[in-house]
Amino acid sequence: MNTNPYAETTTDNLQDKNLVQLNQELAKFNPIKKLDLLPAILDYKTLLATQLPPRKKILPWLPEGGLMMVAAERGIGKTYFALSLAYAIANGQSFMKFAVTEPAGVLYIDGEMALADIRERLMAIATHPPIASLHILSHEWFYNQFERDLYITDPQVQDALLTQLNKDASLRVVIFDNLSSLTQLREDKGDDWRTNMLPFMIACRRRGVAIVLVHHCNKTGEQRGTGAREDHLDTSIKLTRVAGDMGYEGCRFKVNFTKARGVYGKEIEPFIATLIHQDNQVTWDISAIEESTRDRFIQLVQSSGTTGVTVTEAAQLLQVSKGLISRLKKECEEEGVLQYSSGKRPMKIAENWVPKT
């Protein structure tokens, strides 16, 4: 029995019908075409015989089409990290201690800072114009052009970005700084993220464009909001303040890889990054965790003056083991940095020790 109410309706009788409404109602009676999955399923032999293009890497931990997040608490230096990354990729030069395989175009989307500040920081980072393209989409400039706020969860903006990526094949990386400023999503709702942001990121991935998300950490030190953001990531990096950095003024943080798909070992061991300002230029000084702990240990003992500091106190303040502090103490005593002390006596700087300049 035909239950379609329009089956015997003449064309004349349909002329006054709203076309959109009519199509919606007719769609209810159209049989759904069954999906045959067989062509999409690979058996073992076919999988091994299929010629698959190698997945190129922009950095050891950022493949083409990769999805990455870098999260940190406010004021720690996320934007310096992200802008330095953008310039290094566009210029094909090393980023911190990692080699960039070749120059690649970058689109940097900023949702928070004044455009003048972005320009000032880029000028300090860049020693010369990058080899590949480096474009800036600023919330400030966007508003001047369109008199509307820039949100990457806006379907029109997403469509415009994908159109731009289709037009400019040189763009291989898009950096969003930062999610709190560039989205209108409820941060703790995973469904909001999966519905309004994830499909756009997957669309970029299918074009071979890597996405870097800059985000804030909460009070417990984890990325703020829903954990659904990390489900599809290839790489997740957390920047944290260096324990025991007493009175340090400047940009210095620990770089810790909390997720790095397909990368292992020394390549992703945590390290300390310090931003060095000199002659209106900035560079990154990279040190191993233990090397940095030694410097901070000596600084701590120096700051204790004539009172000194015990092994237990130093371990607590630097958030490391007493075993490590004891080993550093012994090394520094042998090198003449510390006065020799036995038992639980406070450690003090040797009177004749002169710091290296």
Protein backbone atom coordinates (compact mmCIF):
# COMPACT_ATOMS: atom_id res chain seq x y z
CA MET A 1 0.00 0.00 0.00
CA ASN A 2 1.36 3.40 -1.02
CA THR A 3 1.36 5.70 2.03
CA ASN A 4 2.85 8.69 0.21
CA PRO A 5 0.25 11.50 0.61
CA TYR A 6 1.53 13.20 -2.54
CA ALA A 7 1.51 10.14 -4.76
CA GLU A 8 -1.62 11.23 -6.65
CA THR A 9 -1.29 14.95 -6.24
CA THR A 10 -1.16 16.86 -9.54
CA THR A 11 1.50 19.40 -10.42
CA ASP A 12 -1.10 22.18 -10.31
CA ASN A 13 -2.08 21.33 -6.76
CA LEU A 14 1.56 21.46 -5.66
CA GLN A 15 2.31 24.93 -6.95
CA ASP A 16 1.32 26.63 -3.72
CA LYS A 17 3.31 24.29 -1.54
CA ASN A 18 6.46 25.56 0.07
CA LEU A 19 9.19 23.80 -1.87
CA VAL A 20 11.45 23.27 1.11
CA GLN A 21 8.64 21.84 3.21
CA LEU A 22 7.54 19.61 0.34
CA ASN A 23 11.02 18.17 -0.14
CA GLN A 24 11.30 17.47 3.57
CA GLU A 25 7.97 15.65 3.62
CA LEU A 26 8.70 13.67 0.46
CA ALA A 27 12.07 12.61 1.87
CA LYS A 28 10.24 10.69 4.59
CA PHE A 29 8.87 8.29 1.95
CA ASN A 30 11.99 7.86 -0.14
CA PRO A 31 13.61 4.52 0.59
CA ILE A 32 17.05 4.84 2.20
CA LYS A 33 19.74 3.39 -0.03
CA LYS A 34 21.62 0.68 1.80
CA LEU A 35 25.34 1.20 2.28
CA ASP A 36 27.50 -1.63 1.01
CA LEU A 37 30.69 -1.63 3.10
CA LEU A 38 32.47 -4.33 1.10
CA PRO A 39 34.48 -1.94 -1.17
CA ALA A 40 35.81 -0.13 1.92
CA ILE A 41 36.96 -3.26 3.76
CA LEU A 42 40.53 -4.45 3.15
CA ASP A 43 41.54 -8.02 3.79
CA TYR A 44 45.00 -8.71 5.15
CA LYS A 45 46.65 -9.48 1.80
CA THR A 46 45.09 -6.46 0.10
CA LEU A 47 46.16 -4.18 2.94
CA LEU A 48 49.78 -5.33 2.61
CA ALA A 49 49.73 -5.00 -1.19
CA THR A 50 48.08 -1.58 -1.31
CA GLN A 51 50.40 1.30 -2.22
CA LEU A 52 49.95 3.92 0.48
CA PRO A 53 51.68 7.31 0.35
CA PRO A 54 54.09 7.83 3.27
CA ARG A 55 52.86 10.25 5.90
CA LYS A 56 55.36 13.07 5.80
CA LYS A 57 56.39 14.85 8.96
CA ILE A 58 56.76 18.59 9.40
CA LEU A 59 58.46 18.02 12.76
CA PRO A 60 59.22 14.68 14.42
CA TRP A 61 55.97 14.97 16.39
CA LEU A 62 53.83 16.90 13.85
CA PRO A 63 52.87 14.96 10.72
CA GLU A 64 51.14 16.47 7.71
CA GLY A 65 47.45 16.57 8.54
CA GLY A 66 48.30 16.04 12.19
CA LEU A 67 46.28 17.42 15.08
CA MET A 68 48.20 18.94 17.98
CA MET A 69 47.50 20.86 21.18
CA VAL A 70 49.84 22.91 23.35
CA ALA A 71 48.37 23.86 26.72
CA ALA A 72 49.69 25.99 29.57
CA GLU A 73 48.49 28.25 32.32
CA ARG A 74 48.07 31.91 31.46
CA GLY A 75 51.14 34.11 31.28
CA ILE A 76 53.66 31.32 30.86
CA GLY A 77 54.64 32.05 27.25
CA LYS A 78 52.22 30.10 25.01
CA THR A 79 52.16 32.77 22.32
CA TYR A 80 55.96 33.03 22.15
CA PHE A 81 56.02 29.23 21.81
CA ALA A 82 53.37 29.26 19.05
CA LEU A 83 54.80 32.21 17.09
CA SER A 84 58.29 30.70 17.24
CA LEU A 85 56.84 27.42 15.96
CA ALA A 86 55.05 29.23 13.12
CA TYR A 87 58.19 31.06 11.99
CA ALA A 88 60.41 27.97 12.26
CA ILE A 89 58.03 25.92 10.08
CA ALA A 90 57.67 28.69 7.49
CA ASN A 91 61.44 29.19 7.41
CA GLY A 92 62.38 25.50 7.48
CA GLN A 93 64.69 26.00 10.46
CA SER A 94 64.96 24.13 13.75
CA PHE A 95 62.36 24.77 16.42
CA MET A 96 63.95 24.55 19.86
CA LYS A 97 65.78 21.20 19.59
CA PHE A 98 63.71 19.77 16.73
CA ALA A 99 64.48 19.83 13.02
CA VAL A 100 61.84 21.07 10.55
CA THR A 101 61.95 18.82 7.47
CA GLU A 102 61.31 21.59 4.93
CA PRO A 103 59.68 25.04 4.77
CA ALA A 104 55.88 24.95 4.80
CA GLY A 105 53.25 27.67 4.65
CA VAL A 106 51.59 28.63 7.94
CA LEU A 107 48.37 30.47 8.77
CA TYR A 108 48.46 31.89 12.29
CA ILE A 109 45.02 32.76 13.66
CA ASP A 110 45.08 35.01 16.73
CA GLY A 111 42.03 35.66 18.86
CA GLU A 112 43.45 37.59 21.79
CA MET A 113 46.44 39.86 21.29
CA ALA A 114 46.68 43.31 19.73
CA LEU A 115 47.98 43.07 16.18
CA ALA A 116 50.77 45.52 17.04
CA ASP A 117 52.00 43.14 19.77
CA ILE A 118 51.91 40.17 17.38
CA ARG A 119 54.00 42.16 14.89
CA GLU A 120 56.47 43.20 17.57
CA ARG A 121 56.99 39.62 18.74
CA LEU A 122 57.33 38.29 15.22
CA MET A 123 59.95 40.92 14.42
CA ALA A 124 61.93 39.81 17.49
CA ILE A 125 61.64 36.13 16.53
CA ALA A 126 62.37 36.47 12.81
CA THR A 127 65.92 37.10 11.64
CA HIS A 128 64.72 37.53 8.02
CA PRO A 129 61.53 36.98 6.00
CA PRO A 130 60.54 33.29 6.04
CA ILE A 131 61.13 31.12 2.98
CA ALA A 132 57.55 29.84 2.80
CA SER A 133 54.41 31.90 3.39
CA LEU A 134 53.51 33.04 6.89
CA HIS A 135 50.05 34.62 7.12
CA ILE A 136 48.32 36.21 10.09
CA LEU A 137 44.55 36.25 10.62
CA SER A 138 44.04 38.63 13.52
CA HIS A 139 40.75 39.02 15.39
CA GLU A 140 41.45 42.76 15.41
CA TRP A 141 41.98 43.05 11.64
CA PHE A 142 39.05 40.70 11.00
CA TYR A 143 36.72 42.97 12.98
CA ASN A 144 37.97 46.04 11.11
CA GLN A 145 37.07 44.36 7.83
CA PHE A 146 33.74 42.72 8.71
CA GLU A 147 32.56 44.37 11.96
CA ARG A 148 32.05 40.97 13.57
CA ASP A 149 34.03 38.91 16.01
CA LEU A 150 36.28 36.09 14.80
CA TYR A 151 35.12 32.65 15.94
CA ILE A 152 36.43 29.49 14.33
CA THR A 153 33.30 27.63 15.41
CA ASP A 154 31.24 29.90 13.14
CA PRO A 155 30.20 27.75 10.12
CA GLN A 156 30.77 30.69 7.77
CA VAL A 157 34.30 31.17 9.06
CA GLN A 158 35.01 27.45 8.84
CA ASP A 159 33.74 27.35 5.25
CA ALA A 160 35.85 30.42 4.38
CA LEU A 161 38.96 28.83 5.94
CA LEU A 162 38.49 25.57 4.03
CA THR A 163 37.97 27.58 0.83
CA GLN A 164 41.22 29.44 1.48
CA LEU A 165 43.07 26.17 2.13
CA ASN A 166 41.72 24.81 -1.17
CA LYS A 167 42.91 27.93 -3.01
CA ASP A 168 46.37 28.08 -1.40
CA ALA A 169 47.97 24.65 -1.44
CA SER A 170 51.13 26.08 0.14
CA LEU A 171 49.39 26.39 3.52
CA ARG A 172 50.25 23.20 5.41
CA VAL A 173 49.80 24.31 9.04
CA VAL A 174 47.09 26.35 10.79
CA ILE A 175 47.70 27.56 14.36
CA PHE A 176 44.78 28.68 16.53
CA ASP A 177 45.82 30.94 19.43
CA ASN A 178 43.82 30.36 21.53
CA LEU A 179 40.71 28.21 21.91
CA SER A 180 39.17 30.27 24.71
CA SER A 181 39.27 33.40 22.56
CA LEU A 182 38.37 31.83 19.22
CA THR A 183 35.44 29.55 20.15
CA GLN A 184 32.00 30.00 21.69
CA LEU A 185 31.75 26.43 22.95
CA ARG A 186 30.97 25.35 26.49
CA GLU A 187 34.42 24.16 27.50
CA ASP A 188 33.22 21.24 29.62
CA LYS A 189 30.82 19.80 27.02
CA GLY A 190 32.36 17.11 24.84
CA ASP A 191 29.33 17.02 22.53
CA ASP A 192 29.78 20.72 21.71
CA TRP A 193 33.37 20.03 20.67
CA ARG A 194 32.56 16.91 18.65
CA THR A 195 29.70 18.66 16.85
CA ASN A 196 31.08 22.14 16.18
CA MET A 197 34.87 21.83 15.98
CA LEU A 198 36.03 18.27 15.38
CA PRO A 199 34.43 17.90 11.88
CA PHE A 200 36.24 21.05 10.74
CA MET A 201 39.57 19.75 12.06
CA ILE A 202 39.02 16.41 10.29
CA ALA A 203 38.27 18.33 7.07
CA CYS A 204 41.64 20.07 7.44
CA ARG A 205 43.35 16.73 8.11
CA ARG A 206 41.91 15.27 4.91
CA ARG A 207 43.50 18.16 3.02
CA GLY A 208 46.86 17.30 4.58
CA VAL A 209 46.80 20.46 6.70
CA ALA A 210 48.10 20.15 10.26
CA ILE A 211 46.24 21.91 13.08
CA VAL A 212 47.91 23.33 16.21
CA LEU A 213 45.55 24.31 19.04
CA VAL A 214 46.81 26.65 21.75
CA HIS A 215 44.82 26.25 24.96
CA HIS A 216 44.78 27.10 28.67
CA CYS A 217 45.37 24.78 31.60
CA ASN A 218 43.11 24.73 34.64
CA LYS A 219 44.15 25.12 38.28
CA THR A 220 45.14 21.45 38.51
CA GLY A 221 47.53 21.83 35.58
CA GLU A 222 45.47 19.91 33.00
CA GLN A 223 44.02 21.31 29.78
CA ARG A 224 40.86 23.23 30.58
CA GLY A 225 37.48 21.70 29.77
CA THR A 226 36.43 18.45 28.16
CA GLY A 227 38.93 15.67 27.59
CA ALA A 228 37.22 14.98 24.24
CA ARG A 229 39.61 17.50 22.68
CA GLU A 230 42.51 15.12 23.17
CA ASP A 231 40.86 11.99 21.75
CA HIS A 232 41.87 12.66 18.13
CA LEU A 233 45.17 14.42 18.77
CA ASP A 234 48.46 13.10 17.41
CA THR A 235 50.44 15.28 19.81
CA SER A 236 49.72 16.99 23.11
CA ILE A 237 52.29 19.25 24.77
CA LYS A 238 52.03 20.82 28.21
CA LEU A 239 54.10 23.81 29.26
CA THR A 240 54.61 24.17 33.00
CA ARG A 241 56.50 26.53 35.24
CA VAL A 242 59.90 25.30 36.38
CA ALA A 243 59.79 24.23 40.02
CA GLY A 244 61.98 26.34 42.26
CA ASP A 245 62.27 29.23 39.78
CA MET A 246 62.45 31.72 42.59
CA GLY A 247 62.19 35.29 41.43
CA TYR A 248 62.92 34.43 37.79
CA GLU A 249 61.60 37.14 35.50
CA GLY A 250 61.09 36.08 31.94
CA CYS A 251 59.72 33.28 29.81
CA ARG A 252 60.94 29.89 31.00
CA PHE A 253 59.01 26.63 31.17
CA LYS A 254 59.22 22.87 31.10
CA VAL A 255 58.12 21.25 27.82
CA ASN A 256 56.42 17.93 28.47
CA PHE A 257 54.92 15.64 25.80
CA THR A 258 51.80 14.08 27.29
CA LYS A 259 50.90 12.40 23.98
CA ALA A 260 52.99 11.81 20.86
CA ARG A 261 51.61 9.23 18.47
CA GLY A 262 54.36 7.24 16.77
CA VAL A 263 57.24 9.06 18.49
CA TYR A 264 59.23 7.51 21.33
CA GLY A 265 62.34 7.79 23.49
CA LYS A 266 64.75 10.70 23.66
CA GLU A 267 62.94 12.59 20.90
CA ILE A 268 60.15 13.49 23.29
CA GLU A 269 61.92 13.59 26.64
CA PRO A 270 60.94 16.68 28.69
CA PHE A 271 63.28 19.66 28.67
CA ILE A 272 63.54 23.25 29.85
CA ALA A 273 63.10 26.13 27.37
CA THR A 274 64.21 29.67 28.25
CA LEU A 275 63.55 32.70 26.04
CA ILE A 276 66.68 34.83 25.68
CA HIS A 277 66.34 38.53 24.74
CA GLN A 278 69.39 40.11 23.11
CA ASP A 279 69.75 43.04 20.69
CA ASN A 280 65.99 43.23 19.96
CA GLN A 281 65.97 39.54 18.99
CA VAL A 282 64.79 36.49 20.91
CA THR A 283 66.12 32.96 20.83
CA TRP A 284 65.43 29.79 22.81
CA ASP A 285 67.97 28.26 25.16
CA ILE A 286 67.32 24.55 25.65
CA SER A 287 68.58 22.51 28.58
CA ALA A 288 68.01 19.01 29.90
CA ILE A 289 65.94 18.68 33.06
CA GLU A 290 68.90 17.54 35.15
CA GLU A 291 71.16 20.28 33.80
CA SER A 292 68.52 22.87 34.63
CA THR A 293 68.04 21.36 38.10
CA ARG A 294 71.75 21.80 38.81
CA ASP A 295 71.60 25.50 37.90
CA ARG A 296 68.50 26.02 40.04
CA PHE A 297 70.09 24.06 42.88
CA ILE A 298 73.12 26.36 42.92
CA GLN A 299 70.86 29.40 42.67
CA LEU A 300 68.83 28.13 45.61
CA VAL A 301 71.90 27.60 47.81
CA GLN A 302 73.22 31.04 46.80
CA SER A 303 69.96 32.71 47.76
CA SER A 304 70.03 31.01 51.18
CA GLY A 305 73.10 33.07 52.11
CA THR A 306 74.88 32.32 55.38
CA THR A 307 71.94 30.31 56.68
CA GLY A 308 72.26 27.62 54.04
CA VAL A 309 69.71 25.02 53.00
CA THR A 310 69.43 21.31 53.78
CA VAL A 311 69.09 18.46 51.29
CA THR A 312 65.47 17.90 52.38
CA GLU A 313 64.59 21.58 52.00
CA ALA A 314 66.23 21.78 48.57
CA ALA A 315 64.39 18.66 47.36
CA GLN A 316 61.05 20.08 48.50
CA LEU A 317 61.63 23.52 46.99
CA LEU A 318 62.89 22.16 43.66
CA GLN A 319 60.32 19.32 43.60
CA VAL A 320 62.91 16.62 42.95
CA SER A 321 64.14 13.60 44.90
CA LYS A 322 66.53 13.86 47.83
CA GLY A 323 68.73 11.36 46.01
CA LEU A 324 69.22 13.78 43.12
CA ILE A 325 69.99 16.66 45.49
CA SER A 326 72.52 14.51 47.36
CA ARG A 327 74.27 13.66 44.09
CA LEU A 328 74.33 17.33 43.02
CA LYS A 329 75.65 18.28 46.47
CA LYS A 330 78.54 15.79 46.15
CA GLU A 331 79.40 16.96 42.61
CA CYS A 332 79.33 20.64 43.61
CA GLU A 333 81.51 19.98 46.66
CA GLU A 334 84.08 18.17 44.50
CA GLU A 335 84.08 21.08 42.04
CA GLY A 336 84.51 23.66 44.79
CA VAL A 337 81.09 25.21 44.34
CA LEU A 338 79.85 24.20 47.81
CA GLN A 339 81.53 24.04 51.18
CA TYR A 340 81.92 20.48 52.39
CA SER A 341 79.25 19.56 54.93
CA SER A 342 78.44 16.24 56.57
CA GLY A 343 75.21 14.83 57.93
CA LYS A 344 72.18 17.12 57.89
CA ARG A 345 74.11 20.37 58.07
CA PRO A 346 72.88 23.12 55.71
CA MET A 347 74.63 23.44 52.36
CA LYS A 348 76.41 26.74 51.63
CA ILE A 349 78.29 28.22 48.69
CA ALA A 350 82.09 28.04 49.01
CA GLU A 351 83.57 31.40 49.90
CA ASN A 352 86.11 31.38 47.07
CA TRP A 353 83.71 30.16 44.34
CA VAL A 354 83.13 32.55 41.43
CA PRO A 355 80.12 31.95 39.14
CA LYS A 356 80.85 31.51 35.44
CA THR A 357 79.88 34.49 33.30
